[in-house]
C-alpha atoms as a PDB file:
ATOM      1  CA  MET A   1       0.100  -0.029   0.041  1.00  0.00           C
ATOM      2  CA  LYS A   2       2.905   2.570   0.879  1.00  0.00           C
ATOM      3  CA  LYS A   3       4.486   1.666  -2.433  1.00  0.00           C
ATOM      4  CA  LEU A   4       1.259   2.483  -4.459  1.00  0.00           C
ATOM      5  CA  TYR A   5       1.199   5.797  -2.238  1.00  0.00           C
ATOM      6  CA  ILE A   6       4.561   6.794  -3.333  1.00  0.00           C
ATOM      7  CA  ILE A   7       4.075   5.965  -7.034  1.00  0.00           C
ATOM      8  CA  PHE A   8       0.853   8.395  -6.824  1.00  0.00           C
ATOM      9  CA  LEU A   9       2.745  11.062  -5.041  1.00  0.00           C
ATOM     10  CA  TYR A  10       5.505  10.947  -7.942  1.00  0.00           C
ATOM     11  CA  ALA A  11       2.802  10.990 -10.548  1.00  0.00           C
ATOM     12  CA  ILE A  12       1.210  14.039  -8.946  1.00  0.00           C
ATOM     13  CA  ILE A  13       4.760  15.698  -8.659  1.00  0.00           C
ATOM     14  CA  PHE A  14       5.551  14.659 -12.316  1.00  0.00           C
ATOM     15  CA  VAL A  15       2.439  16.034 -13.679  1.00  0.00           C
ATOM     16  CA  SER A  16       2.577  19.507 -11.771  1.00  0.00           C
ATOM     17  CA  ILE A  17       6.354  19.742 -12.932  1.00  0.00           C
ATOM     18  CA  THR A  18       6.106  18.992 -16.573  1.00  0.00           C
ATOM     19  CA  ILE A  19       2.631  18.614 -18.010  1.00  0.00           C
ATOM     20  CA  ILE A  20       0.932  21.652 -16.291  1.00  0.00           C
ATOM     21  CA  PRO A  21       3.376  24.373 -17.106  1.00  0.00           C
ATOM     22  CA  ALA A  22       3.511  23.099 -20.576  1.00  0.00           C
ATOM     23  CA  VAL A  23      -0.246  23.322 -21.306  1.00  0.00           C
ATOM     24  CA  ALA A  24      -0.177  26.642 -19.433  1.00  0.00           C
ATOM     25  CA  ARG A  25       2.518  28.126 -21.856  1.00  0.00           C
ATOM     26  CA  ASN A  26       0.800  27.010 -25.012  1.00  0.00           C
ATOM     27  CA  LYS A  27      -2.697  28.356 -23.872  1.00  0.00           C
ATOM     28  CA  PHE A  28      -1.311  31.569 -23.325  1.00  0.00           C
ATOM     29  CA  LYS A  29       0.464  31.949 -26.624  1.00  0.00           C
ATOM     30  CA  THR A  30      -2.801  32.368 -28.487  1.00  0.00           C
ATOM     31  CA  GLU A  31      -4.727  35.531 -28.555  1.00  0.00           C
ATOM     32  CA  PRO A  32      -8.300  35.566 -27.039  1.00  0.00           C
ATOM     33  CA  PRO A  33     -10.953  35.554 -29.510  1.00  0.00           C
ATOM     34  CA  ILE A  34     -12.327  38.600 -30.636  1.00  0.00           C
ATOM     35  CA  LEU A  35     -16.028  39.074 -29.939  1.00  0.00           C
ATOM     36  CA  ASN A  36     -17.973  40.219 -32.916  1.00  0.00           C
ATOM     37  CA  GLU A  37     -19.966  43.190 -32.011  1.00  0.00           C
ATOM     38  CA  ASN A  38     -22.732  42.200 -34.457  1.00  0.00           C
ATOM     39  CA  SER A  39     -23.113  38.629 -32.955  1.00  0.00           C
ATOM     40  CA  ALA A  40     -26.644  37.984 -31.374  1.00  0.00           C
ATOM     41  CA  SER A  41     -25.189  36.333 -28.199  1.00  0.00           C
ATOM     42  CA  LEU A  42     -23.224  39.528 -27.450  1.00  0.00           C
ATOM     43  CA  GLN A  43     -26.133  41.794 -27.991  1.00  0.00           C
ATOM     44  CA  SER A  44     -28.118  39.545 -25.937  1.00  0.00           C
ATOM     45  CA  GLY A  45     -25.602  39.371 -23.298  1.00  0.00           C
ATOM     46  CA  LYS A  46     -25.524  43.241 -23.192  1.00  0.00           C
ATOM     47  CA  GLY A  47     -29.506  43.078 -22.896  1.00  0.00           C
ATOM     48  CA  PHE A  48     -29.048  40.750 -19.790  1.00  0.00           C
ATOM     49  CA  LEU A  49     -26.632  43.361 -18.163  1.00  0.00           C
ATOM     50  CA  ALA A  50     -28.852  46.415 -18.772  1.00  0.00           C
ATOM     51  CA  GLU A  51     -31.869  44.618 -17.513  1.00  0.00           C
ATOM     52  CA  LEU A  52     -29.914  43.458 -14.327  1.00  0.00           C
ATOM     53  CA  LYS A  53     -29.039  47.282 -13.801  1.00  0.00           C
ATOM     54  CA  GLY A  54     -32.864  48.195 -14.293  1.00  0.00           C
ATOM     55  CA  ASP A  55     -31.899  49.992 -17.537  1.00  0.00           C
ATOM     56  CA  TYR A  56     -34.885  48.435 -19.278  1.00  0.00           C
ATOM     57  CA  LYS A  57     -34.798  50.959 -22.228  1.00  0.00           C
ATOM     58  CA  SER A  58     -31.362  49.970 -23.152  1.00  0.00           C
ATOM     59  CA  ALA A  59     -31.840  46.471 -22.621  1.00  0.00           C
ATOM     60  CA  ILE A  60     -34.861  46.414 -25.085  1.00  0.00           C
ATOM     61  CA  GLU A  61     -32.397  47.996 -27.631  1.00  0.00           C
ATOM     62  CA  TYR A  62     -29.886  45.217 -27.125  1.00  0.00           C
ATOM     63  CA  PHE A  63     -32.585  42.286 -27.259  1.00  0.00           C
ATOM     64  CA  SER A  64     -34.051  43.754 -30.302  1.00  0.00           C
ATOM     65  CA  ASN A  65     -30.467  43.902 -31.875  1.00  0.00           C
ATOM     66  CA  ALA A  66     -30.005  40.233 -31.193  1.00  0.00           C
ATOM     67  CA  ILE A  67     -33.538  39.287 -32.145  1.00  0.00           C
ATOM     68  CA  GLU A  68     -32.709  41.263 -35.826  1.00  0.00           C
ATOM     69  CA  LEU A  69     -29.713  38.993 -35.870  1.00  0.00           C
ATOM     70  CA  ASN A  70     -31.222  35.783 -34.758  1.00  0.00           C
ATOM     71  CA  PRO A  71     -35.098  35.954 -35.205  1.00  0.00           C
ATOM     72  CA  GLN A  72     -35.530  32.478 -33.531  1.00  0.00           C
ATOM     73  CA  ASP A  73     -33.874  33.440 -30.440  1.00  0.00           C
ATOM     74  CA  ALA A  74     -36.802  32.720 -27.947  1.00  0.00           C
ATOM     75  CA  ILE A  75     -34.875  33.842 -24.948  1.00  0.00           C
ATOM     76  CA  SER A  76     -34.122  37.364 -26.159  1.00  0.00           C
ATOM     77  CA  TYR A  77     -37.935  37.841 -27.271  1.00  0.00           C
ATOM     78  CA  HIS A  78     -38.852  36.641 -23.638  1.00  0.00           C
ATOM     79  CA  GLU A  79     -36.181  38.936 -21.905  1.00  0.00           C
ATOM     80  CA  ARG A  80     -37.428  41.900 -24.264  1.00  0.00           C
ATOM     81  CA  GLY A  81     -41.077  41.114 -23.338  1.00  0.00           C
ATOM     82  CA  LEU A  82     -40.304  41.364 -19.523  1.00  0.00           C
ATOM     83  CA  CYS A  83     -38.461  44.677 -19.885  1.00  0.00           C
ATOM     84  CA  TYR A  84     -41.636  45.900 -21.882  1.00  0.00           C
ATOM     85  CA  TYR A  85     -43.944  44.656 -19.048  1.00  0.00           C
ATOM     86  CA  TYR A  86     -41.472  46.369 -16.460  1.00  0.00           C
ATOM     87  CA  LEU A  87     -42.051  49.662 -18.372  1.00  0.00           C
ATOM     88  CA  ASN A  88     -45.741  49.042 -18.224  1.00  0.00           C
ATOM     89  CA  ASN A  89     -45.894  48.533 -22.108  1.00  0.00           C
ATOM     90  CA  TYR A  90     -48.308  45.440 -21.811  1.00  0.00           C
ATOM     91  CA  PRO A  91     -49.308  45.363 -25.751  1.00  0.00           C
ATOM     92  CA  ASN A  92     -45.412  44.992 -26.782  1.00  0.00           C
ATOM     93  CA  ALA A  93     -44.877  42.659 -23.862  1.00  0.00           C
ATOM     94  CA  LEU A  94     -47.702  40.260 -25.089  1.00  0.00           C
ATOM     95  CA  LYS A  95     -46.494  40.448 -28.612  1.00  0.00           C
ATOM     96  CA  ASP A  96     -42.833  39.129 -27.267  1.00  0.00           C
ATOM     97  CA  PHE A  97     -44.504  36.613 -25.093  1.00  0.00           C
ATOM     98  CA  ASP A  98     -46.470  35.218 -27.924  1.00  0.00           C
ATOM     99  CA  LYS A  99     -43.529  34.894 -29.987  1.00  0.00           C
ATOM    100  CA  THR A 100     -41.477  33.127 -27.272  1.00  0.00           C
ATOM    101  CA  ILE A 101     -44.295  30.681 -26.888  1.00  0.00           C
ATOM    102  CA  SER A 102     -44.598  30.262 -30.648  1.00  0.00           C
ATOM    103  CA  LEU A 103     -40.706  29.404 -30.776  1.00  0.00           C
ATOM    104  CA  ASN A 104     -40.792  27.545 -27.701  1.00  0.00           C
ATOM    105  CA  PRO A 105     -44.132  25.900 -26.687  1.00  0.00           C
ATOM    106  CA  SER A 106     -43.095  24.379 -23.376  1.00  0.00           C
ATOM    107  CA  ASP A 107     -41.515  27.828 -21.728  1.00  0.00           C
ATOM    108  CA  ILE A 108     -43.493  27.670 -18.975  1.00  0.00           C
ATOM    109  CA  ASP A 109     -41.963  31.168 -17.754  1.00  0.00           C
ATOM    110  CA  ALA A 110     -43.040  32.804 -21.014  1.00  0.00           C
ATOM    111  CA  PHE A 111     -46.754  31.133 -20.158  1.00  0.00           C
ATOM    112  CA  GLY A 112     -46.694  32.567 -16.728  1.00  0.00           C
ATOM    113  CA  ASN A 113     -45.479  35.976 -17.676  1.00  0.00           C
ATOM    114  CA  ARG A 114     -47.870  36.259 -20.467  1.00  0.00           C
ATOM    115  CA  SER A 115     -50.402  35.416 -17.938  1.00  0.00           C
ATOM    116  CA  LEU A 116     -49.450  38.540 -15.814  1.00  0.00           C
ATOM    117  CA  THR A 117     -49.498  40.663 -18.929  1.00  0.00           C
ATOM    118  CA  LYS A 118     -53.115  39.563 -19.954  1.00  0.00           C
ATOM    119  CA  MET A 119     -54.078  40.159 -16.258  1.00  0.00           C
ATOM    120  CA  GLN A 120     -52.631  43.662 -16.479  1.00  0.00           C
ATOM    121  CA  LEU A 121     -54.763  44.197 -19.816  1.00  0.00           C
ATOM    122  CA  GLY A 122     -57.951  42.959 -18.073  1.00  0.00           C
ATOM    123  CA  ASP A 123     -57.870  39.657 -19.950  1.00  0.00           C
ATOM    124  CA  TYR A 124     -58.622  37.375 -17.104  1.00  0.00           C
ATOM    125  CA  GLU A 125     -59.913  34.374 -19.096  1.00  0.00           C
ATOM    126  CA  GLY A 126     -56.942  34.641 -21.046  1.00  0.00           C
ATOM    127  CA  ALA A 127     -54.685  34.784 -18.042  1.00  0.00           C
ATOM    128  CA  ILE A 128     -56.538  31.731 -16.597  1.00  0.00           C
ATOM    129  CA  LYS A 129     -55.842  29.743 -19.883  1.00  0.00           C
ATOM    130  CA  ASP A 130     -52.161  30.425 -19.697  1.00  0.00           C
ATOM    131  CA  ILE A 131     -51.929  29.247 -16.125  1.00  0.00           C
ATOM    132  CA  ASP A 132     -53.886  26.122 -17.072  1.00  0.00           C
ATOM    133  CA  GLU A 133     -51.166  25.322 -19.985  1.00  0.00           C
ATOM    134  CA  ILE A 134     -48.591  25.399 -16.913  1.00  0.00           C
ATOM    135  CA  LEU A 135     -50.762  23.365 -14.818  1.00  0.00           C
ATOM    136  CA  LYS A 136     -51.205  20.618 -17.669  1.00  0.00           C
ATOM    137  CA  LEU A 137     -47.189  20.035 -17.475  1.00  0.00           C
ATOM    138  CA  TYR A 138     -46.729  20.756 -13.841  1.00  0.00           C
ATOM    139  CA  PRO A 139     -50.195  20.117 -12.175  1.00  0.00           C
ATOM    140  CA  ASP A 140     -48.615  20.959  -8.577  1.00  0.00           C
ATOM    141  CA  TYR A 141     -46.474  24.002  -9.690  1.00  0.00           C
ATOM    142  CA  PRO A 142     -46.692  26.211  -6.510  1.00  0.00           C
ATOM    143  CA  LYS A 143     -46.131  29.391  -8.535  1.00  0.00           C
ATOM    144  CA  ALA A 144     -48.524  28.622 -11.166  1.00  0.00           C
ATOM    145  CA  LEU A 145     -51.134  27.524  -8.449  1.00  0.00           C
ATOM    146  CA  LYS A 146     -50.772  30.874  -6.537  1.00  0.00           C
ATOM    147  CA  GLN A 147     -50.996  33.295  -9.627  1.00  0.00           C
ATOM    148  CA  LYS A 148     -54.033  31.265 -10.650  1.00  0.00           C
ATOM    149  CA  GLU A 149     -55.582  32.025  -7.264  1.00  0.00           C
ATOM    150  CA  MET A 150     -54.783  35.676  -7.742  1.00  0.00           C
ATOM    151  CA  ILE A 151     -56.208  35.964 -11.078  1.00  0.00           C
ATOM    152  CA  LEU A 152     -59.591  34.361  -9.794  1.00  0.00           C
ATOM    153  CA  GLU A 153     -59.425  36.775  -6.953  1.00  0.00           C
ATOM    154  CA  LYS A 154     -59.082  39.778  -9.248  1.00  0.00           C
ATOM    155  CA  MET A 155     -61.992  38.294 -11.345  1.00  0.00           C
ATOM    156  CA  LYS A 156     -64.281  38.156  -8.233  1.00  0.00           C
ATOM    157  CA  ASN A 157     -63.554  41.857  -7.455  1.00  0.00           C
ATOM    158  CA  LYS A 158     -63.816  43.302 -10.905  1.00  0.00           C
END
């Protein structure tokens, strides 16, 4: 057993002295890749950063750029929809959540956010339908159950 331990220890020392420095030297000889300013992923990333800072207008611009570069980017539609929602621009938020769902019909977050948007627009029946879509996939999803309860309460007090 002691012999095996010594062999293992020598192997670790050998790797740390010879192999790791060689890999590190080769790794840093190359230039880092230059990010293309016109890439959809870079625009989307800038949108996320702006959204995190609460700069929703800039985020919308970045997500719009990402969508222009990649019209199939469901995530950028969803995030832009959230930014519109935060700015109380419910019609545009609704359009983006619709597009998100058309591109990714199993996106339960998009259904939930579209439901909230419909509720803000007074479309309580549509809001309930969206929550029911989530509950078809996840019958005990607490967030959806709570949201449905909230919508039903608003319908009652309408």
